[in-house]
Amino acid sequence: MAKNRVYPLLLQTFDSGDMTGDYLPINPDGLEGAAFWLRINNDTDETITISYDGVNDHEVILSGVIYETPTTQNNALPSGKVCLFPIGQIIYVKGTAGTGDVYLSGFYQPIGE
């Protein structure tokens, strides 16, 4: 029987002092579950750029801004299908070295539950 449970992703922290101007992974091991909600908190003194493939620029997040990407039912297809970030998805960040941290958090529903 399917269960309606969600679980938090493990909080990932990236020190902005480690930024080099090239894309670096916020979560080097990838997402542990197929996420339906991601939150990126730019708690640094610099603007950052986010990539979902480590090559192309996908988002710009100003200093002090929290960016959320909910996918639940925003893009539902027939038969109740929903879009999820895949298990193992790595999120990348680049910017100028600064002070503070970038945080990645979110929620997922385990496959089979």
PDB file of N, CA and C in Angstrom:
ATOM      1  N   MET A   1       0.844  -1.185   0.000  1.00  0.00           N
ATOM      2  CA  MET A   1       0.000   0.000   0.000  1.00  0.00           C
ATOM      3  C   MET A   1       0.889   1.247   0.000  1.00  0.00           C
ATOM      4  N   ALA A   2       0.580   2.197  -0.862  1.00  0.00           N
ATOM      5  CA  ALA A   2       1.342   3.437  -0.936  1.00  0.00           C
ATOM      6  C   ALA A   2       1.107   4.274   0.321  1.00  0.00           C
ATOM      7  N   LYS A   3       2.160   4.906   0.767  1.00  0.00           N
ATOM      8  CA  LYS A   3       2.083   5.774   1.933  1.00  0.00           C
ATOM      9  C   LYS A   3       2.419   7.193   1.501  1.00  0.00           C
ATOM     10  N   ASN A   4       1.764   8.143   2.106  1.00  0.00           N
ATOM     11  CA  ASN A   4       2.038   9.543   1.804  1.00  0.00           C
ATOM     12  C   ASN A   4       2.995  10.101   2.844  1.00  0.00           C
ATOM     13  N   ARG A   5       4.265   9.807   2.641  1.00  0.00           N
ATOM     14  CA  ARG A   5       5.306  10.296   3.551  1.00  0.00           C
ATOM     15  C   ARG A   5       6.314  11.100   2.755  1.00  0.00           C
ATOM     16  N   VAL A   6       6.865  12.091   3.391  1.00  0.00           N
ATOM     17  CA  VAL A   6       7.973  12.828   2.802  1.00  0.00           C
ATOM     18  C   VAL A   6       9.110  12.850   3.812  1.00  0.00           C
ATOM     19  N   TYR A   7      10.302  12.964   3.287  1.00  0.00           N
ATOM     20  CA  TYR A   7      11.493  12.977   4.125  1.00  0.00           C
ATOM     21  C   TYR A   7      12.361  14.162   3.736  1.00  0.00           C
ATOM     22  N   PRO A   8      13.050  14.750   4.708  1.00  0.00           N
ATOM     23  CA  PRO A   8      13.940  15.862   4.379  1.00  0.00           C
ATOM     24  C   PRO A   8      15.242  15.343   3.778  1.00  0.00           C
ATOM     25  N   LEU A   9      15.738  16.083   2.805  1.00  0.00           N
ATOM     26  CA  LEU A   9      17.082  15.806   2.318  1.00  0.00           C
ATOM     27  C   LEU A   9      18.067  16.202   3.412  1.00  0.00           C
ATOM     28  N   LEU A  10      19.215  15.576   3.411  1.00  0.00           N
ATOM     29  CA  LEU A  10      20.259  15.977   4.349  1.00  0.00           C
ATOM     30  C   LEU A  10      20.727  17.385   3.983  1.00  0.00           C
ATOM     31  N   LEU A  11      20.841  18.250   4.971  1.00  0.00           N
ATOM     32  CA  LEU A  11      21.287  19.617   4.732  1.00  0.00           C
ATOM     33  C   LEU A  11      22.718  19.609   4.208  1.00  0.00           C
ATOM     34  N   GLN A  12      22.925  20.308   3.116  1.00  0.00           N
ATOM     35  CA  GLN A  12      24.258  20.446   2.533  1.00  0.00           C
ATOM     36  C   GLN A  12      24.715  21.885   2.728  1.00  0.00           C
ATOM     37  N   THR A  13      25.977  22.066   3.085  1.00  0.00           N
ATOM     38  CA  THR A  13      26.536  23.391   3.325  1.00  0.00           C
ATOM     39  C   THR A  13      27.780  23.579   2.470  1.00  0.00           C
ATOM     40  N   PHE A  14      27.865  24.715   1.791  1.00  0.00           N
ATOM     41  CA  PHE A  14      29.017  25.042   0.969  1.00  0.00           C
ATOM     42  C   PHE A  14      29.575  26.372   1.442  1.00  0.00           C
ATOM     43  N   ASP A  15      30.846  26.404   1.815  1.00  0.00           N
ATOM     44  CA  ASP A  15      31.528  27.607   2.302  1.00  0.00           C
ATOM     45  C   ASP A  15      31.883  28.495   1.109  1.00  0.00           C
ATOM     46  N   SER A  16      31.355  29.704   1.074  1.00  0.00           N
ATOM     47  CA  SER A  16      31.601  30.579  -0.077  1.00  0.00           C
ATOM     48  C   SER A  16      33.075  30.962  -0.205  1.00  0.00           C
ATOM     49  N   GLY A  17      33.837  30.808   0.853  1.00  0.00           N
ATOM     50  CA  GLY A  17      35.280  31.057   0.775  1.00  0.00           C
ATOM     51  C   GLY A  17      35.993  30.073  -0.139  1.00  0.00           C
ATOM     52  N   ASP A  18      35.331  28.934  -0.452  1.00  0.00           N
ATOM     53  CA  ASP A  18      35.908  27.919  -1.332  1.00  0.00           C
ATOM     54  C   ASP A  18      35.594  28.165  -2.808  1.00  0.00           C
ATOM     55  N   MET A  19      34.811  29.206  -3.121  1.00  0.00           N
ATOM     56  CA  MET A  19      34.446  29.464  -4.509  1.00  0.00           C
ATOM     57  C   MET A  19      35.658  29.930  -5.303  1.00  0.00           C
ATOM     58  N   THR A  20      35.727  29.447  -6.545  1.00  0.00           N
ATOM     59  CA  THR A  20      36.865  29.747  -7.414  1.00  0.00           C
ATOM     60  C   THR A  20      36.463  30.453  -8.697  1.00  0.00           C
ATOM     61  N   GLY A  21      35.173  30.604  -8.945  1.00  0.00           N
ATOM     62  CA  GLY A  21      34.703  31.142 -10.214  1.00  0.00           C
ATOM     63  C   GLY A  21      34.299  30.041 -11.173  1.00  0.00           C
ATOM     64  N   ASP A  22      34.622  28.783 -10.848  1.00  0.00           N
ATOM     65  CA  ASP A  22      34.193  27.615 -11.617  1.00  0.00           C
ATOM     66  C   ASP A  22      33.081  26.913 -10.845  1.00  0.00           C
ATOM     67  N   TYR A  23      32.275  26.125 -11.557  1.00  0.00           N
ATOM     68  CA  TYR A  23      31.221  25.388 -10.864  1.00  0.00           C
ATOM     69  C   TYR A  23      31.805  24.314  -9.954  1.00  0.00           C
ATOM     70  N   LEU A  24      31.313  24.286  -8.711  1.00  0.00           N
ATOM     71  CA  LEU A  24      31.685  23.276  -7.719  1.00  0.00           C
ATOM     72  C   LEU A  24      30.405  22.699  -7.143  1.00  0.00           C
ATOM     73  N   PRO A  25      30.394  21.417  -6.795  1.00  0.00           N
ATOM     74  CA  PRO A  25      29.163  20.807  -6.275  1.00  0.00           C
ATOM     75  C   PRO A  25      28.832  21.256  -4.857  1.00  0.00           C
ATOM     76  N   ILE A  26      27.567  21.611  -4.645  1.00  0.00           N
ATOM     77  CA  ILE A  26      27.094  21.871  -3.284  1.00  0.00           C
ATOM     78  C   ILE A  26      26.922  20.534  -2.563  1.00  0.00           C
ATOM     79  N   ASN A  27      26.428  19.547  -3.302  1.00  0.00           N
ATOM     80  CA  ASN A  27      26.154  18.215  -2.758  1.00  0.00           C
ATOM     81  C   ASN A  27      26.906  17.162  -3.580  1.00  0.00           C
ATOM     82  N   PRO A  28      28.187  16.963  -3.314  1.00  0.00           N
ATOM     83  CA  PRO A  28      29.012  16.087  -4.154  1.00  0.00           C
ATOM     84  C   PRO A  28      28.495  14.657  -4.294  1.00  0.00           C
ATOM     85  N   ASP A  29      27.750  14.162  -3.329  1.00  0.00           N
ATOM     86  CA  ASP A  29      27.214  12.797  -3.397  1.00  0.00           C
ATOM     87  C   ASP A  29      25.856  12.734  -4.097  1.00  0.00           C
ATOM     88  N   GLY A  30      25.311  13.867  -4.505  1.00  0.00           N
ATOM     89  CA  GLY A  30      24.016  13.898  -5.166  1.00  0.00           C
ATOM     90  C   GLY A  30      22.865  13.812  -4.179  1.00  0.00           C
ATOM     91  N   LEU A  31      21.657  14.020  -4.691  1.00  0.00           N
ATOM     92  CA  LEU A  31      20.454  13.932  -3.854  1.00  0.00           C
ATOM     93  C   LEU A  31      20.194  12.482  -3.469  1.00  0.00           C
ATOM     94  N   GLU A  32      19.879  12.239  -2.216  1.00  0.00           N
ATOM     95  CA  GLU A  32      19.629  10.866  -1.754  1.00  0.00           C
ATOM     96  C   GLU A  32      18.236  10.373  -2.072  1.00  0.00           C
ATOM     97  N   GLY A  33      17.381  11.254  -2.516  1.00  0.00           N
ATOM     98  CA  GLY A  33      16.021  10.883  -2.902  1.00  0.00           C
ATOM     99  C   GLY A  33      15.555  11.728  -4.066  1.00  0.00           C
ATOM    100  N   ALA A  34      14.488  11.295  -4.737  1.00  0.00           N
ATOM    101  CA  ALA A  34      13.908  12.055  -5.847  1.00  0.00           C
ATOM    102  C   ALA A  34      13.136  13.234  -5.263  1.00  0.00           C
ATOM    103  N   ALA A  35      13.737  14.384  -5.293  1.00  0.00           N
ATOM    104  CA  ALA A  35      13.202  15.557  -4.589  1.00  0.00           C
ATOM    105  C   ALA A  35      12.091  16.246  -5.362  1.00  0.00           C
ATOM    106  N   PHE A  36      11.070  16.663  -4.615  1.00  0.00           N
ATOM    107  CA  PHE A  36       9.994  17.465  -5.193  1.00  0.00           C
ATOM    108  C   PHE A  36      10.083  18.914  -4.738  1.00  0.00           C
ATOM    109  N   TRP A  37      10.994  19.226  -3.823  1.00  0.00           N
ATOM    110  CA  TRP A  37      11.151  20.587  -3.334  1.00  0.00           C
ATOM    111  C   TRP A  37      12.623  20.794  -2.982  1.00  0.00           C
ATOM    112  N   LEU A  38      13.233  21.809  -3.589  1.00  0.00           N
ATOM    113  CA  LEU A  38      14.604  22.182  -3.249  1.00  0.00           C
ATOM    114  C   LEU A  38      14.626  23.631  -2.794  1.00  0.00           C
ATOM    115  N   ARG A  39      15.497  23.896  -1.837  1.00  0.00           N
ATOM    116  CA  ARG A  39      15.666  25.254  -1.324  1.00  0.00           C
ATOM    117  C   ARG A  39      17.167  25.543  -1.304  1.00  0.00           C
ATOM    118  N   ILE A  40      17.554  26.654  -1.908  1.00  0.00           N
ATOM    119  CA  ILE A  40      18.951  27.090  -1.882  1.00  0.00           C
ATOM    120  C   ILE A  40      18.983  28.433  -1.176  1.00  0.00           C
ATOM    121  N   ASN A  41      19.698  28.480  -0.076  1.00  0.00           N
ATOM    122  CA  ASN A  41      19.791  29.681   0.749  1.00  0.00           C
ATOM    123  C   ASN A  41      21.179  30.286   0.545  1.00  0.00           C
ATOM    124  N   ASN A  42      21.223  31.456  -0.079  1.00  0.00           N
ATOM    125  CA  ASN A  42      22.494  32.149  -0.288  1.00  0.00           C
ATOM    126  C   ASN A  42      22.764  33.064   0.890  1.00  0.00           C
ATOM    127  N   ASP A  43      23.320  32.502   1.945  1.00  0.00           N
ATOM    128  CA  ASP A  43      23.636  33.260   3.157  1.00  0.00           C
ATOM    129  C   ASP A  43      25.090  33.741   3.083  1.00  0.00           C
ATOM    130  N   THR A  44      25.430  34.356   1.932  1.00  0.00           N
ATOM    131  CA  THR A  44      26.773  34.885   1.724  1.00  0.00           C
ATOM    132  C   THR A  44      26.683  36.368   1.411  1.00  0.00           C
ATOM    133  N   ASP A  45      27.832  36.993   1.264  1.00  0.00           N
ATOM    134  CA  ASP A  45      27.863  38.411   0.900  1.00  0.00           C
ATOM    135  C   ASP A  45      28.094  38.614  -0.600  1.00  0.00           C
ATOM    136  N   GLU A  46      27.913  37.548  -1.388  1.00  0.00           N
ATOM    137  CA  GLU A  46      28.127  37.603  -2.837  1.00  0.00           C
ATOM    138  C   GLU A  46      26.929  37.016  -3.583  1.00  0.00           C
ATOM    139  N   THR A  47      26.725  37.451  -4.815  1.00  0.00           N
ATOM    140  CA  THR A  47      25.754  36.827  -5.711  1.00  0.00           C
ATOM    141  C   THR A  47      26.338  35.512  -6.199  1.00  0.00           C
ATOM    142  N   ILE A  48      25.505  34.475  -6.311  1.00  0.00           N
ATOM    143  CA  ILE A  48      25.974  33.172  -6.780  1.00  0.00           C
ATOM    144  C   ILE A  48      25.174  32.754  -8.019  1.00  0.00           C
ATOM    145  N   THR A  49      25.742  31.832  -8.778  1.00  0.00           N
ATOM    146  CA  THR A  49      25.064  31.250  -9.935  1.00  0.00           C
ATOM    147  C   THR A  49      24.945  29.757  -9.688  1.00  0.00           C
ATOM    148  N   ILE A  50      23.789  29.193 -10.028  1.00  0.00           N
ATOM    149  CA  ILE A  50      23.498  27.777  -9.825  1.00  0.00           C
ATOM    150  C   ILE A  50      23.419  27.078 -11.175  1.00  0.00           C
ATOM    151  N   SER A  51      23.910  25.833 -11.214  1.00  0.00           N
ATOM    152  CA  SER A  51      23.802  24.993 -12.404  1.00  0.00           C
ATOM    153  C   SER A  51      23.324  23.615 -11.980  1.00  0.00           C
ATOM    154  N   TYR A  52      22.490  23.016 -12.836  1.00  0.00           N
ATOM    155  CA  TYR A  52      22.016  21.657 -12.576  1.00  0.00           C
ATOM    156  C   TYR A  52      22.797  20.634 -13.391  1.00  0.00           C
ATOM    157  N   ASP A  53      23.748  21.109 -14.237  1.00  0.00           N
ATOM    158  CA  ASP A  53      24.584  20.188 -14.998  1.00  0.00           C
ATOM    159  C   ASP A  53      26.078  20.473 -14.848  1.00  0.00           C
ATOM    160  N   GLY A  54      26.446  21.514 -14.112  1.00  0.00           N
ATOM    161  CA  GLY A  54      27.851  21.842 -13.878  1.00  0.00           C
ATOM    162  C   GLY A  54      28.511  22.567 -15.035  1.00  0.00           C
ATOM    163  N   VAL A  55      27.735  22.903 -16.069  1.00  0.00           N
ATOM    164  CA  VAL A  55      28.274  23.560 -17.259  1.00  0.00           C
ATOM    165  C   VAL A  55      27.533  24.863 -17.544  1.00  0.00           C
ATOM    166  N   ASN A  56      26.218  24.775 -17.597  1.00  0.00           N
ATOM    167  CA  ASN A  56      25.378  25.909 -17.975  1.00  0.00           C
ATOM    168  C   ASN A  56      24.844  26.659 -16.764  1.00  0.00           C
ATOM    169  N   ASP A  57      24.696  27.977 -16.902  1.00  0.00           N
ATOM    170  CA  ASP A  57      24.098  28.807 -15.855  1.00  0.00           C
ATOM    171  C   ASP A  57      22.588  28.609 -15.885  1.00  0.00           C
ATOM    172  N   HIS A  58      21.987  28.309 -14.710  1.00  0.00           N
ATOM    173  CA  HIS A  58      20.538  28.106 -14.654  1.00  0.00           C
ATOM    174  C   HIS A  58      19.820  29.083 -13.733  1.00  0.00           C
ATOM    175  N   GLU A  59      20.443  29.502 -12.662  1.00  0.00           N
ATOM    176  CA  GLU A  59      19.803  30.429 -11.717  1.00  0.00           C
ATOM    177  C   GLU A  59      20.845  31.409 -11.199  1.00  0.00           C
ATOM    178  N   VAL A  60      20.412  32.614 -10.885  1.00  0.00           N
ATOM    179  CA  VAL A  60      21.241  33.594 -10.190  1.00  0.00           C
ATOM    180  C   VAL A  60      20.534  33.903  -8.883  1.00  0.00           C
ATOM    181  N   ILE A  61      21.277  33.839  -7.784  1.00  0.00           N
ATOM    182  CA  ILE A  61      20.682  34.095  -6.470  1.00  0.00           C
ATOM    183  C   ILE A  61      21.488  35.198  -5.793  1.00  0.00           C
ATOM    184  N   LEU A  62      20.828  36.298  -5.534  1.00  0.00           N
ATOM    185  CA  LEU A  62      21.486  37.428  -4.900  1.00  0.00           C
ATOM    186  C   LEU A  62      21.839  37.117  -3.451  1.00  0.00           C
ATOM    187  N   SER A  63      22.770  37.848  -2.929  1.00  0.00           N
ATOM    188  CA  SER A  63      23.180  37.706  -1.533  1.00  0.00           C
ATOM    189  C   SER A  63      21.979  37.839  -0.602  1.00  0.00           C
ATOM    190  N   GLY A  64      21.872  36.923   0.347  1.00  0.00           N
ATOM    191  CA  GLY A  64      20.802  36.985   1.338  1.00  0.00           C
ATOM    192  C   GLY A  64      19.459  36.473   0.873  1.00  0.00           C
ATOM    193  N   VAL A  65      19.386  35.874  -0.316  1.00  0.00           N
ATOM    194  CA  VAL A  65      18.113  35.419  -0.879  1.00  0.00           C
ATOM    195  C   VAL A  65      17.977  33.910  -0.752  1.00  0.00           C
ATOM    196  N   ILE A  66      16.750  33.465  -0.496  1.00  0.00           N
ATOM    197  CA  ILE A  66      16.424  32.035  -0.480  1.00  0.00           C
ATOM    198  C   ILE A  66      15.639  31.737  -1.747  1.00  0.00           C
ATOM    199  N   TYR A  67      16.118  30.765  -2.516  1.00  0.00           N
ATOM    200  CA  TYR A  67      15.476  30.368  -3.771  1.00  0.00           C
ATOM    201  C   TYR A  67      14.842  28.997  -3.576  1.00  0.00           C
ATOM    202  N   GLU A  68      13.558  28.868  -3.883  1.00  0.00           N
ATOM    203  CA  GLU A  68      12.866  27.589  -3.713  1.00  0.00           C
ATOM    204  C   GLU A  68      12.352  27.099  -5.061  1.00  0.00           C
ATOM    205  N   THR A  69      12.448  25.802  -5.267  1.00  0.00           N
ATOM    206  CA  THR A  69      11.999  25.194  -6.514  1.00  0.00           C
ATOM    207  C   THR A  69      11.023  24.066  -6.227  1.00  0.00           C
ATOM    208  N   PRO A  70       9.764  24.388  -5.950  1.00  0.00           N
ATOM    209  CA  PRO A  70       8.777  23.331  -5.768  1.00  0.00           C
ATOM    210  C   PRO A  70       8.349  22.778  -7.121  1.00  0.00           C
ATOM    211  N   THR A  71       8.223  21.464  -7.240  1.00  0.00           N
ATOM    212  CA  THR A  71       7.746  20.868  -8.483  1.00  0.00           C
ATOM    213  C   THR A  71       6.398  20.198  -8.286  1.00  0.00           C
ATOM    214  N   THR A  72       5.887  20.159  -7.063  1.00  0.00           N
ATOM    215  CA  THR A  72       4.648  19.446  -6.785  1.00  0.00           C
ATOM    216  C   THR A  72       3.464  20.039  -7.523  1.00  0.00           C
ATOM    217  N   GLN A  73       2.919  19.274  -8.399  1.00  0.00           N
ATOM    218  CA  GLN A  73       1.700  19.586  -9.140  1.00  0.00           C
ATOM    219  C   GLN A  73       1.784  20.834 -10.001  1.00  0.00           C
ATOM    220  N   ASN A  74       2.904  21.548  -9.989  1.00  0.00           N
ATOM    221  CA  ASN A  74       3.026  22.715 -10.864  1.00  0.00           C
ATOM    222  C   ASN A  74       3.076  22.292 -12.322  1.00  0.00           C
ATOM    223  N   ASN A  75       3.546  21.081 -12.544  1.00  0.00           N
ATOM    224  CA  ASN A  75       3.668  20.605 -13.912  1.00  0.00           C
ATOM    225  C   ASN A  75       3.089  19.196 -14.020  1.00  0.00           C
ATOM    226  N   ALA A  76       1.982  18.958 -13.329  1.00  0.00           N
ATOM    227  CA  ALA A  76       1.351  17.642 -13.333  1.00  0.00           C
ATOM    228  C   ALA A  76       0.877  17.279 -14.732  1.00  0.00           C
ATOM    229  N   LEU A  77       1.064  16.035 -15.055  1.00  0.00           N
ATOM    230  CA  LEU A  77       0.643  15.498 -16.340  1.00  0.00           C
ATOM    231  C   LEU A  77      -0.583  14.624 -16.127  1.00  0.00           C
ATOM    232  N   PRO A  78      -1.234  14.176 -17.184  1.00  0.00           N
ATOM    233  CA  PRO A  78      -2.354  13.240 -17.000  1.00  0.00           C
ATOM    234  C   PRO A  78      -1.927  12.024 -16.188  1.00  0.00           C
ATOM    235  N   SER A  79      -2.851  11.419 -15.510  1.00  0.00           N
ATOM    236  CA  SER A  79      -2.626  10.238 -14.671  1.00  0.00           C
ATOM    237  C   SER A  79      -1.853  10.547 -13.402  1.00  0.00           C
ATOM    238  N   GLY A  80      -1.795  11.807 -12.988  1.00  0.00           N
ATOM    239  CA  GLY A  80      -1.199  12.166 -11.704  1.00  0.00           C
ATOM    240  C   GLY A  80       0.316  12.074 -11.666  1.00  0.00           C
ATOM    241  N   LYS A  81       0.985  12.068 -12.808  1.00  0.00           N
ATOM    242  CA  LYS A  81       2.443  12.022 -12.811  1.00  0.00           C
ATOM    243  C   LYS A  81       2.978  13.386 -12.389  1.00  0.00           C
ATOM    244  N   VAL A  82       4.103  13.380 -11.700  1.00  0.00           N
ATOM    245  CA  VAL A  82       4.725  14.636 -11.281  1.00  0.00           C
ATOM    246  C   VAL A  82       6.195  14.609 -11.650  1.00  0.00           C
ATOM    247  N   CYS A  83       6.775  15.767 -11.731  1.00  0.00           N
ATOM    248  CA  CYS A  83       8.181  15.911 -12.063  1.00  0.00           C
ATOM    249  C   CYS A  83       8.993  15.956 -10.767  1.00  0.00           C
ATOM    250  N   LEU A  84      10.105  15.236 -10.736  1.00  0.00           N
ATOM    251  CA  LEU A  84      10.971  15.193  -9.568  1.00  0.00           C
ATOM    252  C   LEU A  84      12.417  15.409 -10.003  1.00  0.00           C
ATOM    253  N   PHE A  85      13.225  15.971  -9.111  1.00  0.00           N
ATOM    254  CA  PHE A  85      14.659  15.996  -9.353  1.00  0.00           C
ATOM    255  C   PHE A  85      15.163  14.573  -9.124  1.00  0.00           C
ATOM    256  N   PRO A  86      16.005  14.047 -10.001  1.00  0.00           N
ATOM    257  CA  PRO A  86      16.387  12.642  -9.896  1.00  0.00           C
ATOM    258  C   PRO A  86      17.303  12.340  -8.707  1.00  0.00           C
ATOM    259  N   ILE A  87      17.202  11.118  -8.227  1.00  0.00           N
ATOM    260  CA  ILE A  87      18.152  10.635  -7.219  1.00  0.00           C
ATOM    261  C   ILE A  87      19.541  10.780  -7.818  1.00  0.00           C
ATOM    262  N   GLY A  88      20.472  11.274  -7.037  1.00  0.00           N
ATOM    263  CA  GLY A  88      21.843  11.451  -7.504  1.00  0.00           C
ATOM    264  C   GLY A  88      22.115  12.788  -8.164  1.00  0.00           C
ATOM    265  N   GLN A  89      21.078  13.617  -8.356  1.00  0.00           N
ATOM    266  CA  GLN A  89      21.265  14.934  -8.985  1.00  0.00           C
ATOM    267  C   GLN A  89      22.252  15.754  -8.171  1.00  0.00           C
ATOM    268  N   ILE A  90      23.258  16.283  -8.834  1.00  0.00           N
ATOM    269  CA  ILE A  90      24.226  17.168  -8.185  1.00  0.00           C
ATOM    270  C   ILE A  90      23.868  18.597  -8.564  1.00  0.00           C
ATOM    271  N   ILE A  91      23.881  19.496  -7.576  1.00  0.00           N
ATOM    272  CA  ILE A  91      23.618  20.912  -7.781  1.00  0.00           C
ATOM    273  C   ILE A  91      24.960  21.633  -7.636  1.00  0.00           C
ATOM    274  N   TYR A  92      25.263  22.509  -8.582  1.00  0.00           N
ATOM    275  CA  TYR A  92      26.555  23.199  -8.603  1.00  0.00           C
ATOM    276  C   TYR A  92      26.376  24.680  -8.325  1.00  0.00           C
ATOM    277  N   VAL A  93      27.446  25.290  -7.777  1.00  0.00           N
ATOM    278  CA  VAL A  93      27.436  26.716  -7.465  1.00  0.00           C
ATOM    279  C   VAL A  93      28.760  27.324  -7.930  1.00  0.00           C
ATOM    280  N   LYS A  94      28.669  28.582  -8.391  1.00  0.00           N
ATOM    281  CA  LYS A  94      29.893  29.332  -8.676  1.00  0.00           C
ATOM    282  C   LYS A  94      29.667  30.780  -8.281  1.00  0.00           C
ATOM    283  N   GLY A  95      30.772  31.455  -8.057  1.00  0.00           N
ATOM    284  CA  GLY A  95      30.713  32.853  -7.674  1.00  0.00           C
ATOM    285  C   GLY A  95      32.079  33.312  -7.215  1.00  0.00           C
ATOM    286  N   THR A  96      32.107  34.477  -6.638  1.00  0.00           N
ATOM    287  CA  THR A  96      33.329  35.042  -6.086  1.00  0.00           C
ATOM    288  C   THR A  96      33.453  34.614  -4.630  1.00  0.00           C
ATOM    289  N   ALA A  97      34.653  34.242  -4.220  1.00  0.00           N
ATOM    290  CA  ALA A  97      34.867  33.866  -2.819  1.00  0.00           C
ATOM    291  C   ALA A  97      34.409  35.007  -1.926  1.00  0.00           C
ATOM    292  N   GLY A  98      33.690  34.648  -0.880  1.00  0.00           N
ATOM    293  CA  GLY A  98      33.163  35.657   0.022  1.00  0.00           C
ATOM    294  C   GLY A  98      33.079  35.112   1.431  1.00  0.00           C
ATOM    295  N   THR A  99      32.153  35.669   2.189  1.00  0.00           N
ATOM    296  CA  THR A  99      31.920  35.264   3.569  1.00  0.00           C
ATOM    297  C   THR A  99      30.520  34.682   3.672  1.00  0.00           C
ATOM    298  N   GLY A 100      30.403  33.578   4.392  1.00  0.00           N
ATOM    299  CA  GLY A 100      29.100  32.955   4.599  1.00  0.00           C
ATOM    300  C   GLY A 100      29.011  31.619   3.886  1.00  0.00           C
ATOM    301  N   ASP A 101      27.826  31.028   3.941  1.00  0.00           N
ATOM    302  CA  ASP A 101      27.601  29.700   3.382  1.00  0.00           C
ATOM    303  C   ASP A 101      26.410  29.693   2.442  1.00  0.00           C
ATOM    304  N   VAL A 102      26.426  28.707   1.544  1.00  0.00           N
ATOM    305  CA  VAL A 102      25.281  28.399   0.691  1.00  0.00           C
ATOM    306  C   VAL A 102      24.713  27.087   1.215  1.00  0.00           C
ATOM    307  N   TYR A 103      23.411  27.027   1.440  1.00  0.00           N
ATOM    308  CA  TYR A 103      22.764  25.839   1.984  1.00  0.00           C
ATOM    309  C   TYR A 103      21.810  25.251   0.951  1.00  0.00           C
ATOM    310  N   LEU A 104      21.789  23.933   0.874  1.00  0.00           N
ATOM    311  CA  LEU A 104      20.846  23.213   0.028  1.00  0.00           C
ATOM    312  C   LEU A 104      20.026  22.307   0.925  1.00  0.00           C
ATOM    313  N   SER A 105      18.709  22.432   0.832  1.00  0.00           N
ATOM    314  CA  SER A 105      17.811  21.580   1.603  1.00  0.00           C
ATOM    315  C   SER A 105      16.607  21.260   0.737  1.00  0.00           C
ATOM    316  N   GLY A 106      15.756  20.391   1.215  1.00  0.00           N
ATOM    317  CA  GLY A 106      14.565  20.053   0.459  1.00  0.00           C
ATOM    318  C   GLY A 106      13.862  18.826   1.000  1.00  0.00           C
ATOM    319  N   PHE A 107      12.936  18.290   0.203  1.00  0.00           N
ATOM    320  CA  PHE A 107      12.133  17.136   0.623  1.00  0.00           C
ATOM    321  C   PHE A 107      11.982  16.176  -0.542  1.00  0.00           C
ATOM    322  N   TYR A 108      11.835  14.897  -0.193  1.00  0.00           N
ATOM    323  CA  TYR A 108      11.631  13.862  -1.202  1.00  0.00           C
ATOM    324  C   TYR A 108      10.688  12.800  -0.652  1.00  0.00           C
ATOM    325  N   GLN A 109      10.106  12.049  -1.578  1.00  0.00           N
ATOM    326  CA  GLN A 109       9.295  10.901  -1.195  1.00  0.00           C
ATOM    327  C   GLN A 109      10.022   9.656  -1.699  1.00  0.00           C
ATOM    328  N   PRO A 110      10.343   8.726  -0.796  1.00  0.00           N
ATOM    329  CA  PRO A 110      11.069   7.536  -1.217  1.00  0.00           C
ATOM    330  C   PRO A 110      10.283   6.742  -2.256  1.00  0.00           C
ATOM    331  N   ILE A 111      11.000   6.202  -3.222  1.00  0.00           N
ATOM    332  CA  ILE A 111      10.402   5.370  -4.246  1.00  0.00           C
ATOM    333  C   ILE A 111       9.788   4.126  -3.573  1.00  0.00           C
ATOM    334  N   GLY A 112       8.580   3.787  -3.931  1.00  0.00           N
ATOM    335  CA  GLY A 112       7.929   2.607  -3.367  1.00  0.00           C
ATOM    336  C   GLY A 112       7.109   2.883  -2.129  1.00  0.00           C
ATOM    337  N   GLU A 113       7.113   4.106  -1.637  1.00  0.00           N
ATOM    338  CA  GLU A 113       6.282   4.420  -0.448  1.00  0.00           C
ATOM    339  C   GLU A 113       5.124   5.290  -0.859  1.00  0.00           C
TER     340      GLU A 113
END
